[in-house]
Amino acid sequence: MTDLDNLRVVLVATRNPLNIGAAARAMSNFGVRRLRVVNPYDAAFREARSAVGASGLLAKAEQYDGIAEAVADCKLVVGTTVAGPRRDLQHPLHRLEDGVRAIKRQLKTGPVALLFGSERYGLSNQDLSHCQWVMRIPTREEHGSMNLGQAVAVCLYEVVRGRKTAPPKTARGREKKTPAKSREIERLTQHLFQVLDASGYVKPRAAAATEENLRRMIRRMQLDAEDTVMWLGILRQIAWKLRTSGND
């Protein structure tokens, strides 16, 4: 098993099956095997002729109804964009080379998801709420659009290039903690949202926005697995107290 086995390429709401095939071909070029698709526009994408030499990879692609399920086993989730400062992003935006260095370090410890959005709109703010940060592909401002397969190829080339770079050393004797997986972060988000809703904090008209903001806030905290377990226990106790108080 290599570090690249920990990398999941996640295509969100892709409209053209040929683009999924092109992305699969780029993955095969660079030795990345785990393809996941979320709500593809055409169910026949597994037969795309553009997946030259990568039909087996395409046949094994995992299909999901939502991003939360697609990245549930990942400790790091990174969105991609070709947009520059003009877009109102609510996440840290990293240059491609800087983002890839962080991705390569994380690949040594566990699964990483790299998200690509639809050809027409890219990743929405709702999609990006599942990400810790966003990585920008440096297209020129006069022509910012990029074919999905090309975008995947550019990012994976950077991941493969110079992969022998050693990660920073940790202090001697300090135990390295395990980052929480996305499924744990999502569980924590939902528990916190439910407690806030029961307390009256959540306004019905702003429920979706509140949930997005909570998810982003929790991801910014960069909790490890142990912290997540503790927070879940705290929220369960608060939820229980709210229920019992309501019966008095």
C-alpha atoms as a PDB file:
ATOM      1  CA  MET A   1       0.000   0.000   0.000  1.00  0.00           C
ATOM      2  CA  THR A   2       1.270   3.502  -0.889  1.00  0.00           C
ATOM      3  CA  ASP A   3       0.324   6.957   0.348  1.00  0.00           C
ATOM      4  CA  LEU A   4      -1.743   7.450  -2.803  1.00  0.00           C
ATOM      5  CA  ASP A   5      -4.112   4.682  -1.670  1.00  0.00           C
ATOM      6  CA  ASN A   6      -5.302   7.142   0.967  1.00  0.00           C
ATOM      7  CA  LEU A   7      -6.343   9.738  -1.618  1.00  0.00           C
ATOM      8  CA  ARG A   8     -10.015   9.879  -2.676  1.00  0.00           C
ATOM      9  CA  VAL A   9     -10.957  11.979  -5.683  1.00  0.00           C
ATOM     10  CA  VAL A  10     -14.571  13.116  -5.210  1.00  0.00           C
ATOM     11  CA  LEU A  11     -16.531  14.532  -8.168  1.00  0.00           C
ATOM     12  CA  VAL A  12     -19.645  16.455  -7.127  1.00  0.00           C
ATOM     13  CA  ALA A  13     -22.691  16.791  -9.427  1.00  0.00           C
ATOM     14  CA  THR A  14     -20.715  16.174 -12.629  1.00  0.00           C
ATOM     15  CA  ARG A  15     -22.919  16.836 -15.668  1.00  0.00           C
ATOM     16  CA  ASN A  16     -20.976  15.153 -18.489  1.00  0.00           C
ATOM     17  CA  PRO A  17     -20.082  11.436 -18.208  1.00  0.00           C
ATOM     18  CA  LEU A  18     -17.120  12.037 -20.527  1.00  0.00           C
ATOM     19  CA  ASN A  19     -15.618  14.343 -17.930  1.00  0.00           C
ATOM     20  CA  ILE A  20     -15.865  11.624 -15.292  1.00  0.00           C
ATOM     21  CA  GLY A  21     -14.078   9.306 -17.706  1.00  0.00           C
ATOM     22  CA  ALA A  22     -11.378  11.929 -18.318  1.00  0.00           C
ATOM     23  CA  ALA A  23     -10.904  12.344 -14.579  1.00  0.00           C
ATOM     24  CA  ALA A  24     -10.577   8.559 -14.191  1.00  0.00           C
ATOM     25  CA  ARG A  25      -7.962   8.520 -16.944  1.00  0.00           C
ATOM     26  CA  ALA A  26      -5.959  11.245 -15.188  1.00  0.00           C
ATOM     27  CA  MET A  27      -6.176   9.306 -11.933  1.00  0.00           C
ATOM     28  CA  SER A  28      -4.850   6.182 -13.618  1.00  0.00           C
ATOM     29  CA  ASN A  29      -2.009   8.223 -15.154  1.00  0.00           C
ATOM     30  CA  PHE A  30      -0.787   9.237 -11.716  1.00  0.00           C
ATOM     31  CA  GLY A  31      -1.556   6.057  -9.770  1.00  0.00           C
ATOM     32  CA  VAL A  32      -4.608   7.216  -7.810  1.00  0.00           C
ATOM     33  CA  ARG A  33      -7.291   4.504  -7.662  1.00  0.00           C
ATOM     34  CA  ARG A  34     -10.131   5.687  -5.387  1.00  0.00           C
ATOM     35  CA  LEU A  35     -12.812   7.572  -7.353  1.00  0.00           C
ATOM     36  CA  ARG A  36     -16.047   8.694  -5.732  1.00  0.00           C
ATOM     37  CA  VAL A  37     -18.943  10.470  -7.456  1.00  0.00           C
ATOM     38  CA  VAL A  38     -21.761  12.407  -5.789  1.00  0.00           C
ATOM     39  CA  ASN A  39     -25.046  12.797  -7.676  1.00  0.00           C
ATOM     40  CA  PRO A  40     -23.663  12.407 -11.210  1.00  0.00           C
ATOM     41  CA  TYR A  41     -25.945  13.790 -13.912  1.00  0.00           C
ATOM     42  CA  ASP A  42     -25.908  10.596 -15.991  1.00  0.00           C
ATOM     43  CA  ALA A  43     -25.990   7.126 -14.452  1.00  0.00           C
ATOM     44  CA  ALA A  44     -24.206   5.709 -17.536  1.00  0.00           C
ATOM     45  CA  PHE A  45     -20.891   7.378 -16.643  1.00  0.00           C
ATOM     46  CA  ARG A  46     -19.227   3.986 -16.000  1.00  0.00           C
ATOM     47  CA  GLU A  47     -19.251   3.356 -19.757  1.00  0.00           C
ATOM     48  CA  ALA A  48     -17.549   6.644 -20.703  1.00  0.00           C
ATOM     49  CA  ARG A  49     -15.181   6.127 -23.641  1.00  0.00           C
ATOM     50  CA  SER A  50     -12.938   8.924 -22.402  1.00  0.00           C
ATOM     51  CA  ALA A  51     -11.628   6.655 -19.625  1.00  0.00           C
ATOM     52  CA  VAL A  52      -8.907   5.292 -21.908  1.00  0.00           C
ATOM     53  CA  GLY A  53      -6.924   2.678 -19.988  1.00  0.00           C
ATOM     54  CA  ALA A  54      -8.961   3.342 -16.841  1.00  0.00           C
ATOM     55  CA  SER A  55     -12.171   1.373 -17.438  1.00  0.00           C
ATOM     56  CA  GLY A  56     -11.488  -0.822 -14.415  1.00  0.00           C
ATOM     57  CA  LEU A  57     -11.030   2.197 -12.172  1.00  0.00           C
ATOM     58  CA  LEU A  58     -14.240   3.720 -13.518  1.00  0.00           C
ATOM     59  CA  ALA A  59     -16.168   0.488 -12.990  1.00  0.00           C
ATOM     60  CA  LYS A  60     -15.151   0.481  -9.316  1.00  0.00           C
ATOM     61  CA  ALA A  61     -16.095   4.136  -8.718  1.00  0.00           C
ATOM     62  CA  GLU A  62     -18.149   4.560  -5.552  1.00  0.00           C
ATOM     63  CA  GLN A  63     -21.408   6.484  -5.939  1.00  0.00           C
ATOM     64  CA  TYR A  64     -23.030   8.546  -3.154  1.00  0.00           C
ATOM     65  CA  ASP A  65     -26.107  10.710  -2.719  1.00  0.00           C
ATOM     66  CA  GLY A  66     -24.345  13.323  -0.594  1.00  0.00           C
ATOM     67  CA  ILE A  67     -20.915  14.709   0.187  1.00  0.00           C
ATOM     68  CA  ALA A  68     -21.109  13.842   3.887  1.00  0.00           C
ATOM     69  CA  GLU A  69     -21.305  10.134   3.054  1.00  0.00           C
ATOM     70  CA  ALA A  70     -18.638  10.383   0.343  1.00  0.00           C
ATOM     71  CA  VAL A  71     -16.029  11.835   2.722  1.00  0.00           C
ATOM     72  CA  ALA A  72     -17.114  10.108   5.927  1.00  0.00           C
ATOM     73  CA  ASP A  73     -13.864   8.129   6.344  1.00  0.00           C
ATOM     74  CA  CYS A  74     -11.534  11.056   5.575  1.00  0.00           C
ATOM     75  CA  LYS A  75      -9.479  13.016   8.084  1.00  0.00           C
ATOM     76  CA  LEU A  76      -8.891  15.898   5.665  1.00  0.00           C
ATOM     77  CA  VAL A  77     -11.337  17.224   3.048  1.00  0.00           C
ATOM     78  CA  VAL A  78     -10.054  19.810   0.550  1.00  0.00           C
ATOM     79  CA  GLY A  79     -12.119  21.681  -2.014  1.00  0.00           C
ATOM     80  CA  THR A  80     -10.750  22.978  -5.315  1.00  0.00           C
ATOM     81  CA  THR A  81     -11.479  26.133  -7.267  1.00  0.00           C
ATOM     82  CA  VAL A  82     -10.079  28.108 -10.179  1.00  0.00           C
ATOM     83  CA  ALA A  83     -11.633  31.304  -8.794  1.00  0.00           C
ATOM     84  CA  GLY A  84      -9.392  33.980  -7.393  1.00  0.00           C
ATOM     85  CA  PRO A  85     -10.022  36.591  -4.689  1.00  0.00           C
ATOM     86  CA  ARG A  86     -13.168  37.810  -6.450  1.00  0.00           C
ATOM     87  CA  ARG A  87     -15.207  34.884  -5.137  1.00  0.00           C
ATOM     88  CA  ASP A  88     -16.617  35.253  -1.633  1.00  0.00           C
ATOM     89  CA  LEU A  89     -15.114  32.106  -0.132  1.00  0.00           C
ATOM     90  CA  GLN A  90     -15.717  31.402   3.542  1.00  0.00           C
ATOM     91  CA  HIS A  91     -12.673  29.141   3.887  1.00  0.00           C
ATOM     92  CA  PRO A  92      -8.909  29.580   3.941  1.00  0.00           C
ATOM     93  CA  LEU A  93      -7.666  29.652   0.327  1.00  0.00           C
ATOM     94  CA  HIS A  94      -4.286  28.025  -0.366  1.00  0.00           C
ATOM     95  CA  ARG A  95      -2.083  28.152  -3.427  1.00  0.00           C
ATOM     96  CA  LEU A  96      -1.883  24.822  -5.243  1.00  0.00           C
ATOM     97  CA  GLU A  97       1.702  24.072  -4.239  1.00  0.00           C
ATOM     98  CA  ASP A  98       1.097  24.967  -0.581  1.00  0.00           C
ATOM     99  CA  GLY A  99      -2.102  22.955  -0.399  1.00  0.00           C
ATOM    100  CA  VAL A 100      -0.493  19.901  -1.971  1.00  0.00           C
ATOM    101  CA  ARG A 101       2.305  19.923   0.608  1.00  0.00           C
ATOM    102  CA  ALA A 102      -0.304  19.733   3.376  1.00  0.00           C
ATOM    103  CA  ILE A 103      -2.175  16.984   1.527  1.00  0.00           C
ATOM    104  CA  LYS A 104       0.971  14.878   1.113  1.00  0.00           C
ATOM    105  CA  ARG A 105       1.731  15.110   4.827  1.00  0.00           C
ATOM    106  CA  GLN A 106      -1.813  13.996   5.699  1.00  0.00           C
ATOM    107  CA  LEU A 107      -1.733  11.093   3.205  1.00  0.00           C
ATOM    108  CA  LYS A 108       0.902   9.452   5.386  1.00  0.00           C
ATOM    109  CA  THR A 109      -1.552   9.228   8.292  1.00  0.00           C
ATOM    110  CA  GLY A 110      -4.960   8.542   6.755  1.00  0.00           C
ATOM    111  CA  PRO A 111      -7.574   9.153   4.041  1.00  0.00           C
ATOM    112  CA  VAL A 112      -7.812  12.521   2.295  1.00  0.00           C
ATOM    113  CA  ALA A 113     -10.655  13.662   0.012  1.00  0.00           C
ATOM    114  CA  LEU A 114     -10.028  16.076  -2.862  1.00  0.00           C
ATOM    115  CA  LEU A 115     -13.328  17.583  -4.082  1.00  0.00           C
ATOM    116  CA  PHE A 116     -14.071  18.873  -7.587  1.00  0.00           C
ATOM    117  CA  GLY A 117     -17.352  20.598  -8.417  1.00  0.00           C
ATOM    118  CA  SER A 118     -19.635  20.557 -11.424  1.00  0.00           C
ATOM    119  CA  GLU A 119     -18.376  21.868 -14.755  1.00  0.00           C
ATOM    120  CA  ARG A 120     -20.778  24.799 -14.795  1.00  0.00           C
ATOM    121  CA  TYR A 121     -20.760  26.072 -11.221  1.00  0.00           C
ATOM    122  CA  GLY A 122     -17.885  24.417  -9.389  1.00  0.00           C
ATOM    123  CA  LEU A 123     -18.352  23.728  -5.686  1.00  0.00           C
ATOM    124  CA  SER A 124     -21.111  25.687  -3.947  1.00  0.00           C
ATOM    125  CA  ASN A 125     -20.726  27.169  -0.473  1.00  0.00           C
ATOM    126  CA  GLN A 126     -22.907  24.306   0.786  1.00  0.00           C
ATOM    127  CA  ASP A 127     -20.509  21.811  -0.807  1.00  0.00           C
ATOM    128  CA  LEU A 128     -17.512  23.637   0.639  1.00  0.00           C
ATOM    129  CA  SER A 129     -18.959  23.536   4.147  1.00  0.00           C
ATOM    130  CA  HIS A 130     -17.711  19.934   4.252  1.00  0.00           C
ATOM    131  CA  CYS A 131     -14.112  21.079   3.607  1.00  0.00           C
ATOM    132  CA  GLN A 132     -11.409  22.267   5.982  1.00  0.00           C
ATOM    133  CA  TRP A 133      -9.962  24.591   3.328  1.00  0.00           C
ATOM    134  CA  VAL A 134      -9.875  25.305  -0.407  1.00  0.00           C
ATOM    135  CA  MET A 135      -7.033  24.931  -2.895  1.00  0.00           C
ATOM    136  CA  ARG A 136      -6.806  27.185  -5.934  1.00  0.00           C
ATOM    137  CA  ILE A 137      -5.704  26.001  -9.363  1.00  0.00           C
ATOM    138  CA  PRO A 138      -3.806  29.024 -10.766  1.00  0.00           C
ATOM    139  CA  THR A 139      -5.529  29.740 -14.069  1.00  0.00           C
ATOM    140  CA  ARG A 140      -5.109  33.201 -15.601  1.00  0.00           C
ATOM    141  CA  GLU A 141      -7.820  35.695 -14.721  1.00  0.00           C
ATOM    142  CA  GLU A 142      -8.882  36.249 -18.361  1.00  0.00           C
ATOM    143  CA  HIS A 143      -9.724  32.552 -18.807  1.00  0.00           C
ATOM    144  CA  GLY A 144     -10.573  30.904 -15.503  1.00  0.00           C
ATOM    145  CA  SER A 145     -12.644  27.928 -16.644  1.00  0.00           C
ATOM    146  CA  MET A 146     -10.980  24.522 -16.849  1.00  0.00           C
ATOM    147  CA  ASN A 147     -12.084  21.085 -18.036  1.00  0.00           C
ATOM    148  CA  LEU A 148     -12.757  18.753 -15.122  1.00  0.00           C
ATOM    149  CA  GLY A 149     -10.331  16.091 -16.323  1.00  0.00           C
ATOM    150  CA  GLN A 150      -7.609  18.723 -16.722  1.00  0.00           C
ATOM    151  CA  ALA A 151      -8.234  20.077 -13.226  1.00  0.00           C
ATOM    152  CA  VAL A 152      -7.915  16.588 -11.743  1.00  0.00           C
ATOM    153  CA  ALA A 153      -4.722  15.974 -13.740  1.00  0.00           C
ATOM    154  CA  VAL A 154      -3.107  19.247 -12.609  1.00  0.00           C
ATOM    155  CA  CYS A 155      -3.823  18.560  -8.938  1.00  0.00           C
ATOM    156  CA  LEU A 156      -2.699  14.934  -9.047  1.00  0.00           C
ATOM    157  CA  TYR A 157       0.490  15.844 -10.891  1.00  0.00           C
ATOM    158  CA  GLU A 158       1.359  18.183  -8.039  1.00  0.00           C
ATOM    159  CA  VAL A 159       0.592  15.450  -5.499  1.00  0.00           C
ATOM    160  CA  VAL A 160       2.865  12.968  -7.285  1.00  0.00           C
ATOM    161  CA  ARG A 161       5.677  15.437  -7.992  1.00  0.00           C
ATOM    162  CA  GLY A 162       8.383  15.338  -5.309  1.00  0.00           C
ATOM    163  CA  ARG A 163       6.457  12.948  -3.039  1.00  0.00           C
ATOM    164  CA  LYS A 164       9.623  12.052  -1.107  1.00  0.00           C
ATOM    165  CA  THR A 165       9.566  15.338   0.808  1.00  0.00           C
ATOM    166  CA  ALA A 166       9.711  14.491   4.510  1.00  0.00           C
ATOM    167  CA  PRO A 167       6.988  15.882   6.792  1.00  0.00           C
ATOM    168  CA  PRO A 168       7.962  18.239   9.622  1.00  0.00           C
ATOM    169  CA  LYS A 169       9.293  16.480  12.710  1.00  0.00           C
ATOM    170  CA  THR A 170       7.197  16.491  15.863  1.00  0.00           C
ATOM    171  CA  ALA A 171       8.666  17.280  19.270  1.00  0.00           C
ATOM    172  CA  ARG A 172      10.381  14.271  20.869  1.00  0.00           C
ATOM    173  CA  GLY A 173       8.131  12.328  23.172  1.00  0.00           C
ATOM    174  CA  ARG A 174       4.971  14.152  22.111  1.00  0.00           C
ATOM    175  CA  GLU A 175       2.212  11.750  21.137  1.00  0.00           C
ATOM    176  CA  LYS A 176       0.767  12.525  17.713  1.00  0.00           C
ATOM    177  CA  LYS A 177      -3.011  12.648  17.965  1.00  0.00           C
ATOM    178  CA  THR A 178      -5.347  11.199  15.363  1.00  0.00           C
ATOM    179  CA  PRO A 179      -7.476  13.799  13.543  1.00  0.00           C
ATOM    180  CA  ALA A 180     -11.217  13.203  13.716  1.00  0.00           C
ATOM    181  CA  LYS A 181     -12.757  11.605  10.634  1.00  0.00           C
ATOM    182  CA  SER A 182     -15.360  13.461   8.613  1.00  0.00           C
ATOM    183  CA  ARG A 183     -18.149  11.154   9.788  1.00  0.00           C
ATOM    184  CA  GLU A 184     -17.293  12.095  13.401  1.00  0.00           C
ATOM    185  CA  ILE A 185     -17.228  15.797  12.538  1.00  0.00           C
ATOM    186  CA  GLU A 186     -20.602  15.487  10.805  1.00  0.00           C
ATOM    187  CA  ARG A 187     -22.080  13.597  13.783  1.00  0.00           C
ATOM    188  CA  LEU A 188     -20.854  16.352  16.086  1.00  0.00           C
ATOM    189  CA  THR A 189     -22.318  19.013  13.780  1.00  0.00           C
ATOM    190  CA  GLN A 190     -25.722  17.345  13.799  1.00  0.00           C
ATOM    191  CA  HIS A 191     -25.745  16.864  17.589  1.00  0.00           C
ATOM    192  CA  LEU A 192     -24.821  20.504  18.177  1.00  0.00           C
ATOM    193  CA  PHE A 193     -27.455  21.674  15.691  1.00  0.00           C
ATOM    194  CA  GLN A 194     -30.126  19.554  17.419  1.00  0.00           C
ATOM    195  CA  VAL A 195     -29.217  20.890  20.866  1.00  0.00           C
ATOM    196  CA  LEU A 196     -29.271  24.480  19.626  1.00  0.00           C
ATOM    197  CA  ASP A 197     -32.589  23.854  17.894  1.00  0.00           C
ATOM    198  CA  ALA A 198     -34.094  22.403  21.088  1.00  0.00           C
ATOM    199  CA  SER A 199     -32.839  25.427  23.034  1.00  0.00           C
ATOM    200  CA  GLY A 200     -34.574  27.832  20.656  1.00  0.00           C
ATOM    201  CA  TYR A 201     -31.363  29.253  19.211  1.00  0.00           C
ATOM    202  CA  VAL A 202     -32.063  28.120  15.637  1.00  0.00           C
ATOM    203  CA  LYS A 203     -34.467  30.317  13.696  1.00  0.00           C
ATOM    204  CA  PRO A 204     -36.588  28.276  11.222  1.00  0.00           C
ATOM    205  CA  ARG A 205     -35.836  30.560   8.263  1.00  0.00           C
ATOM    206  CA  ALA A 206     -32.093  30.400   8.928  1.00  0.00           C
ATOM    207  CA  ALA A 207     -31.801  26.709   9.813  1.00  0.00           C
ATOM    208  CA  ALA A 208     -29.805  25.731   6.711  1.00  0.00           C
ATOM    209  CA  ALA A 209     -27.405  28.666   7.076  1.00  0.00           C
ATOM    210  CA  THR A 210     -26.946  27.923  10.769  1.00  0.00           C
ATOM    211  CA  GLU A 211     -26.091  24.305  10.019  1.00  0.00           C
ATOM    212  CA  GLU A 212     -23.502  25.373   7.407  1.00  0.00           C
ATOM    213  CA  ASN A 213     -21.923  27.865   9.804  1.00  0.00           C
ATOM    214  CA  LEU A 214     -21.739  25.267  12.570  1.00  0.00           C
ATOM    215  CA  ARG A 215     -20.050  22.782  10.238  1.00  0.00           C
ATOM    216  CA  ARG A 216     -17.460  25.354   9.183  1.00  0.00           C
ATOM    217  CA  MET A 217     -16.835  26.412  12.776  1.00  0.00           C
ATOM    218  CA  ILE A 218     -16.280  22.838  13.952  1.00  0.00           C
ATOM    219  CA  ARG A 219     -13.909  22.101  11.073  1.00  0.00           C
ATOM    220  CA  ARG A 220     -11.873  25.209  11.916  1.00  0.00           C
ATOM    221  CA  MET A 221     -11.394  23.775  15.419  1.00  0.00           C
ATOM    222  CA  GLN A 222      -9.380  20.863  13.937  1.00  0.00           C
ATOM    223  CA  LEU A 223     -10.532  18.457  16.635  1.00  0.00           C
ATOM    224  CA  ASP A 224      -8.815  15.135  17.132  1.00  0.00           C
ATOM    225  CA  ALA A 225     -10.718  11.876  17.601  1.00  0.00           C
ATOM    226  CA  GLU A 226     -10.592  12.008  21.427  1.00  0.00           C
ATOM    227  CA  ASP A 227     -11.856  15.599  21.542  1.00  0.00           C
ATOM    228  CA  THR A 228     -14.753  14.655  19.271  1.00  0.00           C
ATOM    229  CA  VAL A 229     -15.818  11.808  21.569  1.00  0.00           C
ATOM    230  CA  MET A 230     -15.755  14.154  24.557  1.00  0.00           C
ATOM    231  CA  TRP A 231     -17.803  16.828  22.783  1.00  0.00           C
ATOM    232  CA  LEU A 232     -20.371  14.244  21.705  1.00  0.00           C
ATOM    233  CA  GLY A 233     -20.719  13.129  25.332  1.00  0.00           C
ATOM    234  CA  ILE A 234     -21.174  16.719  26.481  1.00  0.00           C
ATOM    235  CA  LEU A 235     -23.853  17.397  23.870  1.00  0.00           C
ATOM    236  CA  ARG A 236     -25.715  14.163  24.690  1.00  0.00           C
ATOM    237  CA  GLN A 237     -25.816  15.216  28.358  1.00  0.00           C
ATOM    238  CA  ILE A 238     -27.107  18.676  27.437  1.00  0.00           C
ATOM    239  CA  ALA A 239     -29.756  17.152  25.143  1.00  0.00           C
ATOM    240  CA  TRP A 240     -30.865  14.784  27.917  1.00  0.00           C
ATOM    241  CA  LYS A 241     -31.116  17.676  30.384  1.00  0.00           C
ATOM    242  CA  LEU A 242     -33.187  19.711  27.948  1.00  0.00           C
ATOM    243  CA  ARG A 243     -35.592  16.794  27.457  1.00  0.00           C
ATOM    244  CA  THR A 244     -35.994  16.069  31.162  1.00  0.00           C
ATOM    245  CA  SER A 245     -36.415  19.745  32.029  1.00  0.00           C
ATOM    246  CA  GLY A 246     -39.231  19.968  29.519  1.00  0.00           C
ATOM    247  CA  ASN A 247     -41.120  17.206  31.374  1.00  0.00           C
ATOM    248  CA  ASP A 248     -41.029  18.987  34.747  1.00  0.00           C
END
